[in-house]
């Protein structure tokens, strides 16, 4: 009686988190016993070494296959971000050896963004996929108006007010308050920063 011919094929690589389908089916009635104790002709197999013994008409044959992890891409577009109007951000999905697909259909490893929205990229490395999404918002710089140039008489003061809710202030002479009383001549300017934008 000839031995059954059993072949699980060559060793395989699979993407992390997936399984391979192993098939030991032979023609005719046979009994199957895997190293896991399973008795079906096919199994879903993860990483490791898998062995099956097939018995037909009292004769047995064994085959084994090793399944290892294929390198997988890792994509990280960073946290959601808010930019000042007029600025751009370059999103990068760079993963050596991978191919890319962005939500706009482009395939470069980077994408320049100048408008608000949700952006995603999918990286494919040898059939293994990773995907990341980021939301980009834009905000308007604060509007600051200290008024027109003013001439003061001796002893008079002028209140300069740059108040913007939630803002930080830096005057050209180092003062950090939102408003101030001016009693000496000079040029006064202020940088107001709110929501990450300065004006």
C-alpha atoms as a PDB file:
ATOM      1  CA  UNK A   1       0.000   0.000   0.000  1.00  0.00           C
ATOM      2  CA  UNK A   2       1.543   3.331  -0.984  1.00  0.00           C
ATOM      3  CA  UNK A   3       1.951   6.072   1.600  1.00  0.00           C
ATOM      4  CA  UNK A   4      -0.422   9.023   1.220  1.00  0.00           C
ATOM      5  CA  UNK A   5       1.154  12.077  -0.399  1.00  0.00           C
ATOM      6  CA  UNK A   6       0.768  15.052   1.941  1.00  0.00           C
ATOM      7  CA  UNK A   7       1.934  18.559   1.101  1.00  0.00           C
ATOM      8  CA  UNK A   8       1.236  21.756   3.022  1.00  0.00           C
ATOM      9  CA  UNK A   9       3.382  23.712   0.588  1.00  0.00           C
ATOM     10  CA  UNK A  10       6.427  25.863   1.340  1.00  0.00           C
ATOM     11  CA  UNK A  11       6.932  27.921   4.474  1.00  0.00           C
ATOM     12  CA  UNK A  12       4.850  31.095   4.406  1.00  0.00           C
ATOM     13  CA  UNK A  13       4.856  34.676   5.616  1.00  0.00           C
ATOM     14  CA  UNK A  14       1.605  36.339   6.648  1.00  0.00           C
ATOM     15  CA  UNK A  15       0.693  39.859   7.703  1.00  0.00           C
ATOM     16  CA  UNK A  16       0.491  40.408  11.471  1.00  0.00           C
ATOM     17  CA  UNK A  17      -2.993  39.779  12.787  1.00  0.00           C
ATOM     18  CA  UNK A  18      -3.972  37.462   9.930  1.00  0.00           C
ATOM     19  CA  UNK A  19      -4.078  33.704   9.461  1.00  0.00           C
ATOM     20  CA  UNK A  20      -3.094  31.352   6.660  1.00  0.00           C
ATOM     21  CA  UNK A  21      -5.360  28.612   5.377  1.00  0.00           C
ATOM     22  CA  UNK A  22      -3.586  25.243   5.422  1.00  0.00           C
ATOM     23  CA  UNK A  23      -5.033  22.378   3.382  1.00  0.00           C
ATOM     24  CA  UNK A  24      -3.842  18.770   3.769  1.00  0.00           C
ATOM     25  CA  UNK A  25      -6.710  17.234   1.752  1.00  0.00           C
ATOM     26  CA  UNK A  26      -5.856  14.116  -0.253  1.00  0.00           C
ATOM     27  CA  UNK A  27      -8.017  12.060  -2.612  1.00  0.00           C
ATOM     28  CA  UNK A  28     -10.077   9.368  -0.957  1.00  0.00           C
ATOM     29  CA  UNK A  29     -11.067   8.651   2.622  1.00  0.00           C
ATOM     30  CA  UNK A  30      -8.414   9.671   5.138  1.00  0.00           C
ATOM     31  CA  UNK A  31      -7.964  10.709   8.750  1.00  0.00           C
ATOM     32  CA  UNK A  32      -6.194  13.960   9.619  1.00  0.00           C
ATOM     33  CA  UNK A  33      -4.444  14.884  12.851  1.00  0.00           C
ATOM     34  CA  UNK A  34      -2.793  18.278  13.344  1.00  0.00           C
ATOM     35  CA  UNK A  35      -0.274  19.073  16.071  1.00  0.00           C
ATOM     36  CA  UNK A  36      -3.034  21.193  17.636  1.00  0.00           C
ATOM     37  CA  UNK A  37      -5.323  18.180  17.966  1.00  0.00           C
ATOM     38  CA  UNK A  38      -7.601  19.328  15.123  1.00  0.00           C
ATOM     39  CA  UNK A  39      -8.920  16.540  12.882  1.00  0.00           C
ATOM     40  CA  UNK A  40     -10.220  18.446   9.859  1.00  0.00           C
ATOM     41  CA  UNK A  41      -8.360  18.408   6.502  1.00  0.00           C
ATOM     42  CA  UNK A  42      -7.992  22.218   6.595  1.00  0.00           C
ATOM     43  CA  UNK A  43      -7.188  24.668   9.380  1.00  0.00           C
ATOM     44  CA  UNK A  44      -6.732  28.396   9.843  1.00  0.00           C
ATOM     45  CA  UNK A  45      -3.184  28.866  11.121  1.00  0.00           C
ATOM     46  CA  UNK A  46      -1.368  31.748  12.754  1.00  0.00           C
ATOM     47  CA  UNK A  47       2.345  32.165  13.384  1.00  0.00           C
ATOM     48  CA  UNK A  48       4.330  29.036  14.265  1.00  0.00           C
ATOM     49  CA  UNK A  49       5.076  25.568  12.948  1.00  0.00           C
ATOM     50  CA  UNK A  50       2.103  23.463  11.879  1.00  0.00           C
ATOM     51  CA  UNK A  51       2.255  19.729  11.307  1.00  0.00           C
ATOM     52  CA  UNK A  52      -0.336  17.287  10.028  1.00  0.00           C
ATOM     53  CA  UNK A  53      -0.359  13.510   9.902  1.00  0.00           C
ATOM     54  CA  UNK A  54      -2.646  11.947   7.294  1.00  0.00           C
ATOM     55  CA  UNK A  55      -3.639   8.294   7.604  1.00  0.00           C
ATOM     56  CA  UNK A  56      -5.158   6.395   4.686  1.00  0.00           C
ATOM     57  CA  UNK A  57      -5.697   2.610   4.525  1.00  0.00           C
ATOM     58  CA  UNK A  58      -3.511   2.166   7.612  1.00  0.00           C
ATOM     59  CA  UNK A  59      -0.533   4.090   6.190  1.00  0.00           C
ATOM     60  CA  UNK A  60       0.507   7.522   7.524  1.00  0.00           C
ATOM     61  CA  UNK A  61       2.482  10.452   6.159  1.00  0.00           C
ATOM     62  CA  UNK A  62       3.411  13.724   7.816  1.00  0.00           C
ATOM     63  CA  UNK A  63       4.201  17.229   6.561  1.00  0.00           C
ATOM     64  CA  UNK A  64       4.929  20.508   8.331  1.00  0.00           C
ATOM     65  CA  UNK A  65       5.060  24.168   7.430  1.00  0.00           C
ATOM     66  CA  UNK A  66       6.367  27.205   9.312  1.00  0.00           C
ATOM     67  CA  UNK A  67       4.440  30.457   9.204  1.00  0.00           C
ATOM     68  CA  UNK A  68       6.280  33.662  10.094  1.00  0.00           C
ATOM     69  CA  UNK A  69       5.350  37.337  10.166  1.00  0.00           C
ATOM     70  CA  UNK A  70       5.849  39.431   7.072  1.00  0.00           C
ATOM     71  CA  UNK A  71       7.206  42.956   7.696  1.00  0.00           C
ATOM     72  CA  UNK A  72       4.284  45.330   8.117  1.00  0.00           C
ATOM     73  CA  UNK A  73       4.190  49.070   7.462  1.00  0.00           C
ATOM     74  CA  UNK A  74       3.614  51.511  10.307  1.00  0.00           C
ATOM     75  CA  UNK A  75       1.935  54.804   9.445  1.00  0.00           C
ATOM     76  CA  UNK A  76       1.586  57.706  11.906  1.00  0.00           C
ATOM     77  CA  UNK A  77       0.326  61.041  10.574  1.00  0.00           C
ATOM     78  CA  UNK A  78       0.566  62.586  14.029  1.00  0.00           C
ATOM     79  CA  UNK A  79      -2.158  64.163  16.142  1.00  0.00           C
ATOM     80  CA  UNK A  80      -5.042  66.245  14.834  1.00  0.00           C
ATOM     81  CA  UNK A  81      -3.779  69.782  14.314  1.00  0.00           C
ATOM     82  CA  UNK A  82      -4.944  73.361  13.899  1.00  0.00           C
ATOM     83  CA  UNK A  83      -2.988  75.818  11.738  1.00  0.00           C
ATOM     84  CA  UNK A  84      -3.242  79.525  11.046  1.00  0.00           C
ATOM     85  CA  UNK A  85      -4.988  80.432   7.799  1.00  0.00           C
ATOM     86  CA  UNK A  86      -2.508  80.646   4.942  1.00  0.00           C
ATOM     87  CA  UNK A  87      -0.158  78.030   6.381  1.00  0.00           C
ATOM     88  CA  UNK A  88       0.349  74.488   5.094  1.00  0.00           C
ATOM     89  CA  UNK A  89       1.361  71.216   6.690  1.00  0.00           C
ATOM     90  CA  UNK A  90       3.138  68.285   5.062  1.00  0.00           C
ATOM     91  CA  UNK A  91       1.751  64.921   6.138  1.00  0.00           C
ATOM     92  CA  UNK A  92       4.277  62.097   5.900  1.00  0.00           C
ATOM     93  CA  UNK A  93       3.574  58.379   5.639  1.00  0.00           C
ATOM     94  CA  UNK A  94       7.144  57.430   4.785  1.00  0.00           C
ATOM     95  CA  UNK A  95       7.691  53.707   5.279  1.00  0.00           C
ATOM     96  CA  UNK A  96      10.679  52.293   3.356  1.00  0.00           C
ATOM     97  CA  UNK A  97       9.624  49.986   0.536  1.00  0.00           C
ATOM     98  CA  UNK A  98       5.889  50.679   0.879  1.00  0.00           C
ATOM     99  CA  UNK A  99       3.423  52.055  -1.640  1.00  0.00           C
ATOM    100  CA  UNK A 100       0.854  54.635  -0.593  1.00  0.00           C
ATOM    101  CA  UNK A 101      -2.704  55.669  -1.312  1.00  0.00           C
ATOM    102  CA  UNK A 102      -4.049  58.983   0.056  1.00  0.00           C
ATOM    103  CA  UNK A 103      -7.708  59.934   0.313  1.00  0.00           C
ATOM    104  CA  UNK A 104      -7.290  62.175  -2.765  1.00  0.00           C
ATOM    105  CA  UNK A 105      -5.943  59.265  -4.859  1.00  0.00           C
ATOM    106  CA  UNK A 106      -2.304  60.421  -4.837  1.00  0.00           C
ATOM    107  CA  UNK A 107       0.506  57.945  -4.169  1.00  0.00           C
ATOM    108  CA  UNK A 108       3.506  59.971  -2.937  1.00  0.00           C
ATOM    109  CA  UNK A 109       4.905  59.336   0.563  1.00  0.00           C
ATOM    110  CA  UNK A 110       3.913  62.895   1.582  1.00  0.00           C
ATOM    111  CA  UNK A 111       0.885  65.131   1.089  1.00  0.00           C
ATOM    112  CA  UNK A 112       0.850  68.929   1.377  1.00  0.00           C
ATOM    113  CA  UNK A 113      -2.333  70.185   3.064  1.00  0.00           C
ATOM    114  CA  UNK A 114      -3.610  73.762   2.817  1.00  0.00           C
ATOM    115  CA  UNK A 115      -7.339  73.258   3.462  1.00  0.00           C
ATOM    116  CA  UNK A 116      -9.279  71.962   6.431  1.00  0.00           C
ATOM    117  CA  UNK A 117     -10.444  68.358   6.376  1.00  0.00           C
ATOM    118  CA  UNK A 118      -9.847  64.787   7.404  1.00  0.00           C
ATOM    119  CA  UNK A 119      -6.975  63.097   5.605  1.00  0.00           C
ATOM    120  CA  UNK A 120      -6.052  59.402   5.498  1.00  0.00           C
ATOM    121  CA  UNK A 121      -3.303  57.324   3.986  1.00  0.00           C
ATOM    122  CA  UNK A 122      -2.937  53.597   3.483  1.00  0.00           C
ATOM    123  CA  UNK A 123       0.521  52.033   3.232  1.00  0.00           C
ATOM    124  CA  UNK A 124       1.028  48.664   1.521  1.00  0.00           C
ATOM    125  CA  UNK A 125       4.214  46.714   2.217  1.00  0.00           C
ATOM    126  CA  UNK A 126       4.292  43.308   0.533  1.00  0.00           C
ATOM    127  CA  UNK A 127       0.520  43.007   0.842  1.00  0.00           C
ATOM    128  CA  UNK A 128       0.415  44.065   4.498  1.00  0.00           C
ATOM    129  CA  UNK A 129      -1.562  47.247   5.128  1.00  0.00           C
ATOM    130  CA  UNK A 130      -1.599  50.006   7.720  1.00  0.00           C
ATOM    131  CA  UNK A 131      -3.765  53.105   7.704  1.00  0.00           C
ATOM    132  CA  UNK A 132      -3.892  56.345   9.680  1.00  0.00           C
ATOM    133  CA  UNK A 133      -6.186  59.379   9.703  1.00  0.00           C
ATOM    134  CA  UNK A 134      -5.649  62.959  10.844  1.00  0.00           C
ATOM    135  CA  UNK A 135      -7.924  65.999  10.973  1.00  0.00           C
ATOM    136  CA  UNK A 136      -6.484  69.380   9.988  1.00  0.00           C
ATOM    137  CA  UNK A 137      -8.290  72.588  10.935  1.00  0.00           C
ATOM    138  CA  UNK A 138      -7.457  76.213  10.229  1.00  0.00           C
ATOM    139  CA  UNK A 139      -8.056  79.269  12.374  1.00  0.00           C
ATOM    140  CA  UNK A 140      -7.971  82.983  11.698  1.00  0.00           C
ATOM    141  CA  UNK A 141      -5.266  85.077  13.403  1.00  0.00           C
ATOM    142  CA  UNK A 142      -6.626  87.476  16.040  1.00  0.00           C
ATOM    143  CA  UNK A 143      -7.579  90.976  14.894  1.00  0.00           C
ATOM    144  CA  UNK A 144      -5.764  93.678  16.842  1.00  0.00           C
ATOM    145  CA  UNK A 145      -6.207  97.430  16.380  1.00  0.00           C
ATOM    146  CA  UNK A 146      -4.409  99.832  18.722  1.00  0.00           C
ATOM    147  CA  UNK A 147      -5.975 102.813  16.975  1.00  0.00           C
ATOM    148  CA  UNK A 148      -4.321 105.648  15.082  1.00  0.00           C
ATOM    149  CA  UNK A 149      -1.082 107.350  16.004  1.00  0.00           C
ATOM    150  CA  UNK A 150      -1.834 109.798  18.800  1.00  0.00           C
ATOM    151  CA  UNK A 151      -0.206 112.984  20.164  1.00  0.00           C
ATOM    152  CA  UNK A 152      -0.580 113.556  23.889  1.00  0.00           C
ATOM    153  CA  UNK A 153      -0.254 116.732  25.908  1.00  0.00           C
ATOM    154  CA  UNK A 154       2.168 116.762  28.819  1.00  0.00           C
ATOM    155  CA  UNK A 155       0.638 114.821  31.740  1.00  0.00           C
ATOM    156  CA  UNK A 156      -1.982 112.987  29.658  1.00  0.00           C
ATOM    157  CA  UNK A 157      -2.113 109.169  29.369  1.00  0.00           C
ATOM    158  CA  UNK A 158      -3.431 106.920  26.638  1.00  0.00           C
ATOM    159  CA  UNK A 159      -4.760 103.406  27.204  1.00  0.00           C
ATOM    160  CA  UNK A 160      -3.720 100.938  24.520  1.00  0.00           C
ATOM    161  CA  UNK A 161      -5.955  97.883  24.560  1.00  0.00           C
ATOM    162  CA  UNK A 162      -5.118  94.714  22.602  1.00  0.00           C
ATOM    163  CA  UNK A 163      -7.553  92.421  24.439  1.00  0.00           C
ATOM    164  CA  UNK A 164      -8.545  89.269  22.546  1.00  0.00           C
ATOM    165  CA  UNK A 165     -10.251  86.432  24.501  1.00  0.00           C
ATOM    166  CA  UNK A 166      -7.826  83.630  25.384  1.00  0.00           C
ATOM    167  CA  UNK A 167      -4.789  85.426  23.939  1.00  0.00           C
ATOM    168  CA  UNK A 168      -1.185  85.987  25.039  1.00  0.00           C
ATOM    169  CA  UNK A 169       0.498  89.359  24.565  1.00  0.00           C
ATOM    170  CA  UNK A 170       4.043  90.567  24.015  1.00  0.00           C
ATOM    171  CA  UNK A 171       4.643  94.286  23.561  1.00  0.00           C
ATOM    172  CA  UNK A 172       7.796  95.540  21.852  1.00  0.00           C
ATOM    173  CA  UNK A 173       9.201  96.588  25.248  1.00  0.00           C
ATOM    174  CA  UNK A 174       8.560  93.183  26.906  1.00  0.00           C
ATOM    175  CA  UNK A 175       5.278  93.962  28.678  1.00  0.00           C
ATOM    176  CA  UNK A 176       2.859  90.992  28.595  1.00  0.00           C
ATOM    177  CA  UNK A 177      -0.464  92.545  29.676  1.00  0.00           C
ATOM    178  CA  UNK A 178      -3.462  92.925  27.357  1.00  0.00           C
ATOM    179  CA  UNK A 179      -3.768  96.665  27.893  1.00  0.00           C
ATOM    180  CA  UNK A 180      -1.580  99.407  29.288  1.00  0.00           C
ATOM    181  CA  UNK A 181      -1.510 103.093  30.058  1.00  0.00           C
ATOM    182  CA  UNK A 182       1.018 105.090  28.061  1.00  0.00           C
ATOM    183  CA  UNK A 183       2.382 108.371  29.426  1.00  0.00           C
ATOM    184  CA  UNK A 184       5.646 108.648  27.475  1.00  0.00           C
ATOM    185  CA  UNK A 185       6.205 109.156  23.802  1.00  0.00           C
ATOM    186  CA  UNK A 186       7.437 106.316  21.634  1.00  0.00           C
ATOM    187  CA  UNK A 187       6.416 103.609  19.215  1.00  0.00           C
ATOM    188  CA  UNK A 188       4.340 100.819  20.753  1.00  0.00           C
ATOM    189  CA  UNK A 189       3.490  97.522  19.067  1.00  0.00           C
ATOM    190  CA  UNK A 190       2.156  94.219  20.318  1.00  0.00           C
ATOM    191  CA  UNK A 191       2.114  90.636  19.111  1.00  0.00           C
ATOM    192  CA  UNK A 192      -1.127  88.881  20.099  1.00  0.00           C
ATOM    193  CA  UNK A 193      -1.208  85.084  19.979  1.00  0.00           C
ATOM    194  CA  UNK A 194      -4.537  83.240  20.136  1.00  0.00           C
ATOM    195  CA  UNK A 195      -5.310  79.648  19.066  1.00  0.00           C
ATOM    196  CA  UNK A 196      -1.703  79.270  17.913  1.00  0.00           C
ATOM    197  CA  UNK A 197      -1.904  82.236  15.537  1.00  0.00           C
ATOM    198  CA  UNK A 198      -0.114  85.512  16.025  1.00  0.00           C
ATOM    199  CA  UNK A 199      -0.850  88.971  14.666  1.00  0.00           C
END
